[in-house]
Every structure is written in structure tokens, then in C-alpha cells.
Amino acid sequence: MFGWFKKRGAPATGPDYRNVDSREKAEDLHRKGELQELLLLPPEFGGERIPPNVVYVPPFAVELKARLDLGTISQLARDGHVTRYTATPTYEGRSVVPTQIHISATEPGNFTGTISIWGEAVQNEREPVLKPEALPVSEFRIEASMIERLGPSELVRAFIADYEAWNLYCNQLCSRDRETGMQAAEAAYASLLEKYCPAGQTRQPIAFGSHSSHESASEVILEMVESKDTCLVKTRHSKGTGTLAMEDDYEYHLKQQDGRWYLTSVLYVCDDGKYEGL
């Protein structure tokens, strides 16, 4: 990642791209590997590599946007919930490196997400993120009104996407400050369960790692068994390191209440039995 500075006028923490005030400077950092090209409208959605569609950002922003586009939004599009997509960068001063990228997928649904990269956009988010009632700023959220209209399989996919974003958020915060990061992770997880689970839902102690237990791109639905007001959704999460391939099976238990579906249990299934992971 490009530079970490402690000088007058620079951000308190994080990268400082104030002096990258021309496309030539950004391209030079790209050649050095400190910035990467990012297509605002990704090629999977028909985007082309033309100057108006290309911005230069640090690698983590490329990864975040790819997870959002290819995991969450692609699935929403396949399910017919969204048909229009925009990605709008915002800038600070004369810098050509975006401070934020605002994502919107709409019609008939409404999904929004913001990738905060550097500068005031990041600094302004630091205080709210540690408040117990606050949702994580880096969590890509499907609006609650949309969640209430989802069927069982769609709700499971939405939960997987939000869980993956929560895991990434926790890792980022704890890498900066373990104590406050854990506080924020706890608050964020409580907010996550409030969104998907019925009131009073009990939960396990939080656990997150370098690889998320649930990932949109690699966890697929194997089977769905639905009754009048309950549903069981079975999934398989494939992952691997080098030549080692692994598969984890999960059971998502849902119930219908007050006109919508709620998640009540997520069981990790192995040869030894089933273990609650919610």
C-alpha cells in the first residue's frame, strides 16, 4: 500500500494520496505495484477499459469491489432483484485517487455500498464505527426492507454476503487496534444478527479469520427443504490453499414469522456431528 505518513495535514492513519494529482503519477504508482487499475463498471457487467471507466486505487479496494460485484450484486442480478448498476468515485483536493467509491444496484430492488479508501472519508468514519449501536462502515448491506421480501434461499445468500463483509471488516480493524477492533466486531455482529434473526436470538462467541467461514463466490446451495413455516437450506463452502482443497457443509435453519423469513440456526456439519455457528 502506498505510503503511511505522519506530517502536518496528512491523515492521522492510512494512506496519503494527496500528491497523486495527475493520471501520469497514478500510472507511475501502478507500474510500481502500489496502485492497481479498477474498472468502475466491471467487465462482467459490460464495462470496457476506456479512460472514463478506469481509476487507480490500492489493491485492497480492488479486492473489496470484486467481492461486492461478483459475489453479492451478481447474485442479486441473477435472482432478478436488480437490473441497473452504477459505481461513482468521489475525490479529495486535486488527487486523482478516489477517496470513496459508491456502489448502487437498483430496479426493482435497492442495494448500496461504499468502499472508503483514504483521506477524510476514512477519518470521518472512525468514531462512529466503535459505537455499540453502529453498523460497520465497510459492511455492504442490503436494505432491511429488501431483506423482508426475500425467500429462504435468497435470504441465505444475502446472509453469506454480509457475513463475508463482516469478517473482512473485523480483520481490518483488529490489524490496527486489537482492543477497539474486537469491540467494534462484537457490535457489528450483533447488528448482523438483528437484521437476519428474530428478536432475542441467542448467539455463539464471535470468531473470524483470514478466510471467512462463508463466502459468496465459493459457497453454493445444495438442497432446500421447505415446509409450511420452516425451511432447511444446505450449502457447501469450497476452499483451498495451494494444492489442498477442502469443503465445509452447513445447514441454515429458517422460520417464517410475521410475514417474513428469519434465520434461527447455522449448523456446521462434519463427521463428528453438527455444531452451532450462529
C-alpha atoms as a PDB file:
ATOM      1  CA  MET A   1       0.000   0.000   0.000  1.00  0.00           C
ATOM      2  CA  PHE A   2       1.256   3.473  -0.885  1.00  0.00           C
ATOM      3  CA  GLY A   3       2.925   5.340   1.956  1.00  0.00           C
ATOM      4  CA  TRP A   4       1.924   5.824   5.585  1.00  0.00           C
ATOM      5  CA  PHE A   5       2.691   9.358   6.738  1.00  0.00           C
ATOM      6  CA  LYS A   6       2.739  11.407   9.926  1.00  0.00           C
ATOM      7  CA  LYS A   7       3.157  15.017   8.824  1.00  0.00           C
ATOM      8  CA  ARG A   8       1.168  18.228   9.050  1.00  0.00           C
ATOM      9  CA  GLY A   9      -2.062  17.971   7.109  1.00  0.00           C
ATOM     10  CA  ALA A  10      -1.779  14.243   6.432  1.00  0.00           C
ATOM     11  CA  PRO A  11      -4.391  11.765   7.607  1.00  0.00           C
ATOM     12  CA  ALA A  12      -3.912  10.522  11.173  1.00  0.00           C
ATOM     13  CA  THR A  13      -3.710   6.973   9.875  1.00  0.00           C
ATOM     14  CA  GLY A  14      -3.927   5.301   6.500  1.00  0.00           C
ATOM     15  CA  PRO A  15      -2.512   6.045   3.065  1.00  0.00           C
ATOM     16  CA  ASP A  16      -1.988   9.598   1.824  1.00  0.00           C
ATOM     17  CA  TYR A  17      -2.658  10.166  -1.883  1.00  0.00           C
ATOM     18  CA  ARG A  18      -2.951  13.961  -1.795  1.00  0.00           C
ATOM     19  CA  ASN A  19       0.105  14.412  -4.018  1.00  0.00           C
ATOM     20  CA  VAL A  20      -1.080  11.968  -6.689  1.00  0.00           C
ATOM     21  CA  ASP A  21      -2.613  14.861  -8.626  1.00  0.00           C
ATOM     22  CA  SER A  22      -2.250  13.621 -12.196  1.00  0.00           C
ATOM     23  CA  ARG A  23      -3.049  10.488 -14.137  1.00  0.00           C
ATOM     24  CA  GLU A  24       0.637  10.193 -15.006  1.00  0.00           C
ATOM     25  CA  LYS A  25       1.577   9.969 -11.309  1.00  0.00           C
ATOM     26  CA  ALA A  26      -1.128   7.376 -10.720  1.00  0.00           C
ATOM     27  CA  GLU A  27       0.086   5.328 -13.692  1.00  0.00           C
ATOM     28  CA  ASP A  28       3.642   5.507 -12.345  1.00  0.00           C
ATOM     29  CA  LEU A  29       2.471   4.081  -8.992  1.00  0.00           C
ATOM     30  CA  HIS A  30       0.586   1.442 -10.960  1.00  0.00           C
ATOM     31  CA  ARG A  31       3.798   0.381 -12.683  1.00  0.00           C
ATOM     32  CA  LYS A  32       5.451   0.131  -9.259  1.00  0.00           C
ATOM     33  CA  GLY A  33       2.649  -2.070  -7.993  1.00  0.00           C
ATOM     34  CA  GLU A  34       1.420   0.410  -5.375  1.00  0.00           C
ATOM     35  CA  LEU A  35      -1.855   1.142  -7.163  1.00  0.00           C
ATOM     36  CA  GLN A  36      -3.984  -1.067  -9.374  1.00  0.00           C
ATOM     37  CA  GLU A  37      -6.330  -0.370 -12.239  1.00  0.00           C
ATOM     38  CA  LEU A  38     -10.002  -0.647 -11.388  1.00  0.00           C
ATOM     39  CA  LEU A  39     -12.876  -0.598 -13.853  1.00  0.00           C
ATOM     40  CA  LEU A  40     -15.812   1.259 -12.294  1.00  0.00           C
ATOM     41  CA  LEU A  41     -18.218  -0.743 -14.430  1.00  0.00           C
ATOM     42  CA  PRO A  42     -16.656  -4.227 -14.286  1.00  0.00           C
ATOM     43  CA  PRO A  43     -16.170  -6.263 -17.465  1.00  0.00           C
ATOM     44  CA  GLU A  44     -18.614  -8.867 -16.134  1.00  0.00           C
ATOM     45  CA  PHE A  45     -21.313  -6.173 -16.373  1.00  0.00           C
ATOM     46  CA  GLY A  46     -20.202  -4.933 -19.793  1.00  0.00           C
ATOM     47  CA  GLY A  47     -17.581  -2.384 -18.710  1.00  0.00           C
ATOM     48  CA  GLU A  48     -14.737  -1.530 -21.083  1.00  0.00           C
ATOM     49  CA  ARG A  49     -11.153  -0.476 -20.408  1.00  0.00           C
ATOM     50  CA  ILE A  50     -11.571   3.139 -21.534  1.00  0.00           C
ATOM     51  CA  PRO A  51     -10.259   6.206 -19.642  1.00  0.00           C
ATOM     52  CA  PRO A  52     -13.618   7.342 -18.154  1.00  0.00           C
ATOM     53  CA  ASN A  53     -14.124   3.850 -16.695  1.00  0.00           C
ATOM     54  CA  VAL A  54     -10.606   3.414 -15.240  1.00  0.00           C
ATOM     55  CA  VAL A  55      -9.453   4.638 -11.833  1.00  0.00           C
ATOM     56  CA  TYR A  56      -6.326   3.797  -9.841  1.00  0.00           C
ATOM     57  CA  VAL A  57      -6.730   2.533  -6.270  1.00  0.00           C
ATOM     58  CA  PRO A  58      -4.770   0.461  -3.707  1.00  0.00           C
ATOM     59  CA  PRO A  59      -5.087  -3.333  -4.010  1.00  0.00           C
ATOM     60  CA  PHE A  60      -7.465  -3.764  -1.065  1.00  0.00           C
ATOM     61  CA  ALA A  61     -10.068  -1.568  -2.798  1.00  0.00           C
ATOM     62  CA  VAL A  62      -9.875  -3.743  -5.918  1.00  0.00           C
ATOM     63  CA  GLU A  63     -10.485  -6.836  -3.788  1.00  0.00           C
ATOM     64  CA  LEU A  64     -13.395  -5.272  -1.921  1.00  0.00           C
ATOM     65  CA  LYS A  65     -15.122  -4.154  -5.098  1.00  0.00           C
ATOM     66  CA  ALA A  66     -14.639  -7.540  -6.776  1.00  0.00           C
ATOM     67  CA  ARG A  67     -16.208  -9.297  -3.783  1.00  0.00           C
ATOM     68  CA  LEU A  68     -19.147  -6.925  -3.883  1.00  0.00           C
ATOM     69  CA  ASP A  69     -19.662  -7.075  -7.657  1.00  0.00           C
ATOM     70  CA  LEU A  70     -19.047 -10.760  -8.310  1.00  0.00           C
ATOM     71  CA  GLY A  71     -20.475 -12.075  -5.075  1.00  0.00           C
ATOM     72  CA  THR A  72     -23.425 -10.035  -3.852  1.00  0.00           C
ATOM     73  CA  ILE A  73     -24.574  -7.963  -6.840  1.00  0.00           C
ATOM     74  CA  SER A  74     -24.150 -10.709  -9.431  1.00  0.00           C
ATOM     75  CA  GLN A  75     -26.356 -12.981  -7.344  1.00  0.00           C
ATOM     76  CA  LEU A  76     -28.962 -10.260  -6.895  1.00  0.00           C
ATOM     77  CA  ALA A  77     -28.976  -9.744 -10.667  1.00  0.00           C
ATOM     78  CA  ARG A  78     -29.340 -13.474 -11.329  1.00  0.00           C
ATOM     79  CA  ASP A  79     -32.300 -13.574  -8.941  1.00  0.00           C
ATOM     80  CA  GLY A  80     -33.924 -10.637 -10.743  1.00  0.00           C
ATOM     81  CA  HIS A  81     -33.699  -8.174  -7.826  1.00  0.00           C
ATOM     82  CA  VAL A  82     -31.523  -5.585  -9.594  1.00  0.00           C
ATOM     83  CA  THR A  83     -31.098  -4.540 -13.238  1.00  0.00           C
ATOM     84  CA  ARG A  84     -29.187  -1.243 -13.072  1.00  0.00           C
ATOM     85  CA  TYR A  85     -25.670  -0.628 -11.699  1.00  0.00           C
ATOM     86  CA  THR A  86     -23.563   2.460 -11.026  1.00  0.00           C
ATOM     87  CA  ALA A  87     -20.175   2.992  -9.385  1.00  0.00           C
ATOM     88  CA  THR A  88     -19.393   6.631  -8.624  1.00  0.00           C
ATOM     89  CA  PRO A  89     -15.991   7.779  -7.295  1.00  0.00           C
ATOM     90  CA  THR A  90     -15.503  10.816  -5.066  1.00  0.00           C
ATOM     91  CA  TYR A  91     -12.245  12.723  -4.733  1.00  0.00           C
ATOM     92  CA  GLU A  92     -10.402  14.955  -2.288  1.00  0.00           C
ATOM     93  CA  GLY A  93      -8.451  18.035  -3.367  1.00  0.00           C
ATOM     94  CA  ARG A  94      -6.589  17.577  -6.654  1.00  0.00           C
ATOM     95  CA  SER A  95      -5.858  13.883  -6.123  1.00  0.00           C
ATOM     96  CA  VAL A  96      -6.922  11.506  -8.898  1.00  0.00           C
ATOM     97  CA  VAL A  97      -7.123   8.579  -6.450  1.00  0.00           C
ATOM     98  CA  PRO A  98     -10.732   8.234  -5.248  1.00  0.00           C
ATOM     99  CA  THR A  99     -11.378   8.635  -1.543  1.00  0.00           C
ATOM    100  CA  GLN A 100     -14.551   6.576  -1.873  1.00  0.00           C
ATOM    101  CA  ILE A 101     -16.447   4.562  -4.462  1.00  0.00           C
ATOM    102  CA  HIS A 102     -20.220   4.497  -4.058  1.00  0.00           C
ATOM    103  CA  ILE A 103     -21.948   1.408  -5.468  1.00  0.00           C
ATOM    104  CA  SER A 104     -25.631   1.291  -6.326  1.00  0.00           C
ATOM    105  CA  ALA A 105     -27.654  -1.569  -7.807  1.00  0.00           C
ATOM    106  CA  THR A 106     -31.335  -0.849  -8.310  1.00  0.00           C
ATOM    107  CA  GLU A 107     -34.619  -1.686 -10.036  1.00  0.00           C
ATOM    108  CA  PRO A 108     -36.680  -3.248  -8.706  1.00  0.00           C
ATOM    109  CA  GLY A 109     -34.622  -3.617  -5.516  1.00  0.00           C
ATOM    110  CA  ASN A 110     -32.182  -1.174  -3.943  1.00  0.00           C
ATOM    111  CA  PHE A 111     -28.671  -2.190  -2.858  1.00  0.00           C
ATOM    112  CA  THR A 112     -25.978   0.300  -1.907  1.00  0.00           C
ATOM    113  CA  GLY A 113     -22.419   0.003  -0.643  1.00  0.00           C
ATOM    114  CA  THR A 114     -19.483   2.344  -0.132  1.00  0.00           C
ATOM    115  CA  ILE A 115     -15.786   1.498  -0.339  1.00  0.00           C
ATOM    116  CA  SER A 116     -13.800   4.016   1.727  1.00  0.00           C
ATOM    117  CA  ILE A 117     -10.173   4.244   0.642  1.00  0.00           C
ATOM    118  CA  TRP A 118      -8.291   7.189   2.162  1.00  0.00           C
ATOM    119  CA  GLY A 119      -8.475  10.763   3.437  1.00  0.00           C
ATOM    120  CA  GLU A 120     -11.396  12.402   5.192  1.00  0.00           C
ATOM    121  CA  ALA A 121     -13.733   9.657   4.007  1.00  0.00           C
ATOM    122  CA  VAL A 122     -11.868   7.176   6.221  1.00  0.00           C
ATOM    123  CA  GLN A 123     -11.190   9.573   9.107  1.00  0.00           C
ATOM    124  CA  ASN A 124     -14.829  10.618   9.404  1.00  0.00           C
ATOM    125  CA  GLU A 125     -15.866   7.002   9.796  1.00  0.00           C
ATOM    126  CA  ARG A 126     -13.522   6.080  12.632  1.00  0.00           C
ATOM    127  CA  GLU A 127     -15.542   7.409  15.570  1.00  0.00           C
ATOM    128  CA  PRO A 128     -18.982   6.016  14.646  1.00  0.00           C
ATOM    129  CA  VAL A 129     -17.574   2.607  13.880  1.00  0.00           C
ATOM    130  CA  LEU A 130     -16.791   1.920  17.519  1.00  0.00           C
ATOM    131  CA  LYS A 131     -20.203   2.856  18.889  1.00  0.00           C
ATOM    132  CA  PRO A 132     -22.124  -0.231  20.037  1.00  0.00           C
ATOM    133  CA  GLU A 133     -25.219   0.697  18.004  1.00  0.00           C
ATOM    134  CA  ALA A 134     -23.289   1.379  14.784  1.00  0.00           C
ATOM    135  CA  LEU A 135     -23.088  -0.932  11.800  1.00  0.00           C
ATOM    136  CA  PRO A 136     -19.618  -1.415  10.296  1.00  0.00           C
ATOM    137  CA  VAL A 137     -18.824   1.184   7.664  1.00  0.00           C
ATOM    138  CA  SER A 138     -17.214  -1.380   5.377  1.00  0.00           C
ATOM    139  CA  GLU A 139     -20.158  -3.810   5.539  1.00  0.00           C
ATOM    140  CA  PHE A 140     -22.057  -3.941   2.259  1.00  0.00           C
ATOM    141  CA  ARG A 141     -25.652  -4.035   3.350  1.00  0.00           C
ATOM    142  CA  ILE A 142     -28.863  -4.995   1.608  1.00  0.00           C
ATOM    143  CA  GLU A 143     -31.602  -2.721   2.867  1.00  0.00           C
ATOM    144  CA  ALA A 144     -33.822  -4.126   5.615  1.00  0.00           C
ATOM    145  CA  SER A 145     -36.931  -3.536   3.521  1.00  0.00           C
ATOM    146  CA  MET A 146     -35.442  -5.768   0.830  1.00  0.00           C
ATOM    147  CA  ILE A 147     -34.440  -8.480   3.335  1.00  0.00           C
ATOM    148  CA  GLU A 148     -38.048  -8.700   4.495  1.00  0.00           C
ATOM    149  CA  ARG A 149     -39.155  -9.659   0.974  1.00  0.00           C
ATOM    150  CA  LEU A 150     -36.575 -12.408   0.399  1.00  0.00           C
ATOM    151  CA  GLY A 151     -37.373 -16.098   0.224  1.00  0.00           C
ATOM    152  CA  PRO A 152     -35.313 -18.668   2.158  1.00  0.00           C
ATOM    153  CA  SER A 153     -32.571 -19.295  -0.433  1.00  0.00           C
ATOM    154  CA  GLU A 154     -32.239 -15.589  -1.223  1.00  0.00           C
ATOM    155  CA  LEU A 155     -32.009 -14.714   2.469  1.00  0.00           C
ATOM    156  CA  VAL A 156     -29.241 -17.299   2.947  1.00  0.00           C
ATOM    157  CA  ARG A 157     -27.274 -15.816   0.043  1.00  0.00           C
ATOM    158  CA  ALA A 158     -27.697 -12.325   1.494  1.00  0.00           C
ATOM    159  CA  PHE A 159     -26.509 -13.520   4.919  1.00  0.00           C
ATOM    160  CA  ILE A 160     -23.437 -15.157   3.357  1.00  0.00           C
ATOM    161  CA  ALA A 161     -22.520 -11.900   1.618  1.00  0.00           C
ATOM    162  CA  ASP A 162     -22.983  -9.808   4.769  1.00  0.00           C
ATOM    163  CA  TYR A 163     -21.082 -12.344   6.910  1.00  0.00           C
ATOM    164  CA  GLU A 164     -18.167 -12.298   4.482  1.00  0.00           C
ATOM    165  CA  ALA A 165     -18.061  -8.490   4.596  1.00  0.00           C
ATOM    166  CA  TRP A 166     -18.253  -8.584   8.413  1.00  0.00           C
ATOM    167  CA  ASN A 167     -15.280 -10.998   8.563  1.00  0.00           C
ATOM    168  CA  LEU A 168     -13.196  -8.744   6.327  1.00  0.00           C
ATOM    169  CA  TYR A 169     -14.187  -5.693   8.376  1.00  0.00           C
ATOM    170  CA  CYS A 170     -13.121  -7.387  11.627  1.00  0.00           C
ATOM    171  CA  ASN A 171      -9.724  -8.323  10.230  1.00  0.00           C
ATOM    172  CA  GLN A 172      -9.086  -4.800   9.017  1.00  0.00           C
ATOM    173  CA  LEU A 173      -9.998  -3.176  12.332  1.00  0.00           C
ATOM    174  CA  CYS A 174      -8.129  -5.644  14.540  1.00  0.00           C
ATOM    175  CA  SER A 175      -4.988  -5.276  12.443  1.00  0.00           C
ATOM    176  CA  ARG A 176      -4.952  -1.606  13.502  1.00  0.00           C
ATOM    177  CA  ASP A 177      -6.101  -1.882  17.113  1.00  0.00           C
ATOM    178  CA  ARG A 178      -6.966  -5.246  18.663  1.00  0.00           C
ATOM    179  CA  GLU A 179      -8.955  -3.984  21.651  1.00  0.00           C
ATOM    180  CA  THR A 180     -11.184  -1.446  19.918  1.00  0.00           C
ATOM    181  CA  GLY A 181     -11.379  -3.723  16.882  1.00  0.00           C
ATOM    182  CA  MET A 182     -12.889  -6.519  18.979  1.00  0.00           C
ATOM    183  CA  GLN A 183     -15.413  -4.103  20.488  1.00  0.00           C
ATOM    184  CA  ALA A 184     -16.482  -2.999  17.034  1.00  0.00           C
ATOM    185  CA  ALA A 185     -16.592  -6.600  15.788  1.00  0.00           C
ATOM    186  CA  GLU A 186     -18.936  -7.574  18.628  1.00  0.00           C
ATOM    187  CA  ALA A 187     -21.223  -4.617  17.930  1.00  0.00           C
ATOM    188  CA  ALA A 188     -21.218  -5.329  14.203  1.00  0.00           C
ATOM    189  CA  TYR A 189     -22.098  -8.986  14.713  1.00  0.00           C
ATOM    190  CA  ALA A 190     -24.997  -8.048  16.988  1.00  0.00           C
ATOM    191  CA  SER A 191     -26.271  -5.756  14.239  1.00  0.00           C
ATOM    192  CA  LEU A 192     -25.855  -8.520  11.668  1.00  0.00           C
ATOM    193  CA  LEU A 193     -27.971 -10.958  13.697  1.00  0.00           C
ATOM    194  CA  GLU A 194     -30.579  -8.299  14.419  1.00  0.00           C
ATOM    195  CA  LYS A 195     -31.010  -7.940  10.673  1.00  0.00           C
ATOM    196  CA  TYR A 196     -31.479 -11.648   9.899  1.00  0.00           C
ATOM    197  CA  CYS A 197     -32.670 -13.283  13.123  1.00  0.00           C
ATOM    198  CA  PRO A 198     -35.807 -12.998  15.275  1.00  0.00           C
ATOM    199  CA  ALA A 199     -35.715 -10.880  18.417  1.00  0.00           C
ATOM    200  CA  GLY A 200     -33.943 -12.496  21.356  1.00  0.00           C
ATOM    201  CA  GLN A 201     -31.819 -14.804  19.212  1.00  0.00           C
ATOM    202  CA  THR A 202     -29.000 -16.391  21.225  1.00  0.00           C
ATOM    203  CA  ARG A 203     -25.567 -16.484  19.613  1.00  0.00           C
ATOM    204  CA  GLN A 204     -22.155 -18.035  19.920  1.00  0.00           C
ATOM    205  CA  PRO A 205     -18.972 -16.067  20.730  1.00  0.00           C
ATOM    206  CA  ILE A 206     -17.707 -14.347  17.612  1.00  0.00           C
ATOM    207  CA  ALA A 207     -14.957 -15.937  15.532  1.00  0.00           C
ATOM    208  CA  PHE A 208     -13.307 -14.573  12.401  1.00  0.00           C
ATOM    209  CA  GLY A 209     -10.103 -15.229  10.491  1.00  0.00           C
ATOM    210  CA  SER A 210      -8.032 -14.520   7.420  1.00  0.00           C
ATOM    211  CA  HIS A 211     -10.535 -16.598   5.413  1.00  0.00           C
ATOM    212  CA  SER A 212     -14.246 -16.176   6.011  1.00  0.00           C
ATOM    213  CA  SER A 213     -16.323 -19.199   7.015  1.00  0.00           C
ATOM    214  CA  HIS A 214     -18.889 -18.046   4.446  1.00  0.00           C
ATOM    215  CA  GLU A 215     -18.076 -16.569   1.013  1.00  0.00           C
ATOM    216  CA  SER A 216     -20.455 -15.657  -1.798  1.00  0.00           C
ATOM    217  CA  ALA A 217     -18.158 -16.808  -4.581  1.00  0.00           C
ATOM    218  CA  SER A 218     -17.456 -20.266  -3.139  1.00  0.00           C
ATOM    219  CA  GLU A 219     -20.477 -21.318  -1.069  1.00  0.00           C
ATOM    220  CA  VAL A 220     -23.295 -22.902  -3.053  1.00  0.00           C
ATOM    221  CA  ILE A 221     -26.761 -24.124  -2.141  1.00  0.00           C
ATOM    222  CA  LEU A 222     -27.059 -27.898  -2.432  1.00  0.00           C
ATOM    223  CA  GLU A 223     -30.598 -28.523  -1.257  1.00  0.00           C
ATOM    224  CA  MET A 224     -33.641 -26.727   0.131  1.00  0.00           C
ATOM    225  CA  VAL A 225     -36.411 -28.431   2.099  1.00  0.00           C
ATOM    226  CA  GLU A 226     -39.358 -26.146   2.817  1.00  0.00           C
ATOM    227  CA  SER A 227     -42.469 -26.825   4.850  1.00  0.00           C
ATOM    228  CA  LYS A 228     -45.345 -24.529   5.785  1.00  0.00           C
ATOM    229  CA  ASP A 229     -43.398 -22.159   8.037  1.00  0.00           C
ATOM    230  CA  THR A 230     -39.879 -23.629   8.282  1.00  0.00           C
ATOM    231  CA  CYS A 231     -37.102 -24.230   5.804  1.00  0.00           C
ATOM    232  CA  LEU A 232     -33.759 -26.044   5.756  1.00  0.00           C
ATOM    233  CA  VAL A 233     -31.128 -24.810   3.294  1.00  0.00           C
ATOM    234  CA  LYS A 234     -27.993 -26.947   2.879  1.00  0.00           C
ATOM    235  CA  THR A 235     -24.812 -25.379   1.483  1.00  0.00           C
ATOM    236  CA  ARG A 236     -21.232 -26.357   0.707  1.00  0.00           C
ATOM    237  CA  HIS A 237     -18.292 -23.977   1.042  1.00  0.00           C
ATOM    238  CA  SER A 238     -15.294 -24.965  -1.095  1.00  0.00           C
ATOM    239  CA  LYS A 239     -11.909 -23.533  -0.241  1.00  0.00           C
ATOM    240  CA  GLY A 240      -8.300 -24.394  -0.805  1.00  0.00           C
ATOM    241  CA  THR A 241      -4.716 -23.416  -0.188  1.00  0.00           C
ATOM    242  CA  GLY A 242      -2.241 -24.393  -2.874  1.00  0.00           C
ATOM    243  CA  THR A 243      -2.969 -27.983  -3.829  1.00  0.00           C
ATOM    244  CA  LEU A 244      -5.096 -28.618  -0.724  1.00  0.00           C
ATOM    245  CA  ALA A 245      -8.860 -28.472  -1.359  1.00  0.00           C
ATOM    246  CA  MET A 246     -11.434 -28.537   1.434  1.00  0.00           C
ATOM    247  CA  GLU A 247     -15.205 -28.475   1.664  1.00  0.00           C
ATOM    248  CA  ASP A 248     -17.370 -27.407   4.596  1.00  0.00           C
ATOM    249  CA  ASP A 249     -21.065 -28.258   4.777  1.00  0.00           C
ATOM    250  CA  TYR A 250     -23.639 -26.070   6.528  1.00  0.00           C
ATOM    251  CA  GLU A 251     -27.309 -26.256   7.393  1.00  0.00           C
ATOM    252  CA  TYR A 252     -29.253 -22.985   7.569  1.00  0.00           C
ATOM    253  CA  HIS A 253     -32.497 -23.279   9.534  1.00  0.00           C
ATOM    254  CA  LEU A 254     -35.160 -20.653   8.915  1.00  0.00           C
ATOM    255  CA  LYS A 255     -38.671 -19.959  10.129  1.00  0.00           C
ATOM    256  CA  GLN A 256     -41.456 -17.791   8.785  1.00  0.00           C
ATOM    257  CA  GLN A 257     -42.880 -15.273  11.208  1.00  0.00           C
ATOM    258  CA  ASP A 258     -44.801 -12.004  10.862  1.00  0.00           C
ATOM    259  CA  GLY A 259     -44.827 -12.300   7.087  1.00  0.00           C
ATOM    260  CA  ARG A 260     -41.084 -12.789   6.542  1.00  0.00           C
ATOM    261  CA  TRP A 261     -38.331 -15.401   6.890  1.00  0.00           C
ATOM    262  CA  TYR A 262     -35.843 -15.357   9.772  1.00  0.00           C
ATOM    263  CA  LEU A 263     -32.576 -17.242  10.255  1.00  0.00           C
ATOM    264  CA  THR A 264     -32.621 -19.243  13.511  1.00  0.00           C
ATOM    265  CA  SER A 265     -29.574 -21.532  13.248  1.00  0.00           C
ATOM    266  CA  VAL A 266     -26.461 -22.123  11.146  1.00  0.00           C
ATOM    267  CA  LEU A 267     -25.003 -25.580  11.779  1.00  0.00           C
ATOM    268  CA  TYR A 268     -21.525 -26.680  10.718  1.00  0.00           C
ATOM    269  CA  VAL A 269     -21.871 -30.319   9.646  1.00  0.00           C
ATOM    270  CA  CYS A 270     -18.981 -32.791   9.928  1.00  0.00           C
ATOM    271  CA  ASP A 271     -18.399 -36.482  10.623  1.00  0.00           C
ATOM    272  CA  ASP A 272     -18.439 -35.843  14.373  1.00  0.00           C
ATOM    273  CA  GLY A 273     -21.819 -34.133  14.382  1.00  0.00           C
ATOM    274  CA  LYS A 274     -23.389 -30.725  13.937  1.00  0.00           C
ATOM    275  CA  TYR A 275     -22.176 -27.563  15.664  1.00  0.00           C
ATOM    276  CA  GLU A 276     -23.930 -24.224  16.015  1.00  0.00           C
ATOM    277  CA  GLY A 277     -22.096 -21.392  14.297  1.00  0.00           C
ATOM    278  CA  LEU A 278     -24.573 -18.530  14.506  1.00  0.00           C
END
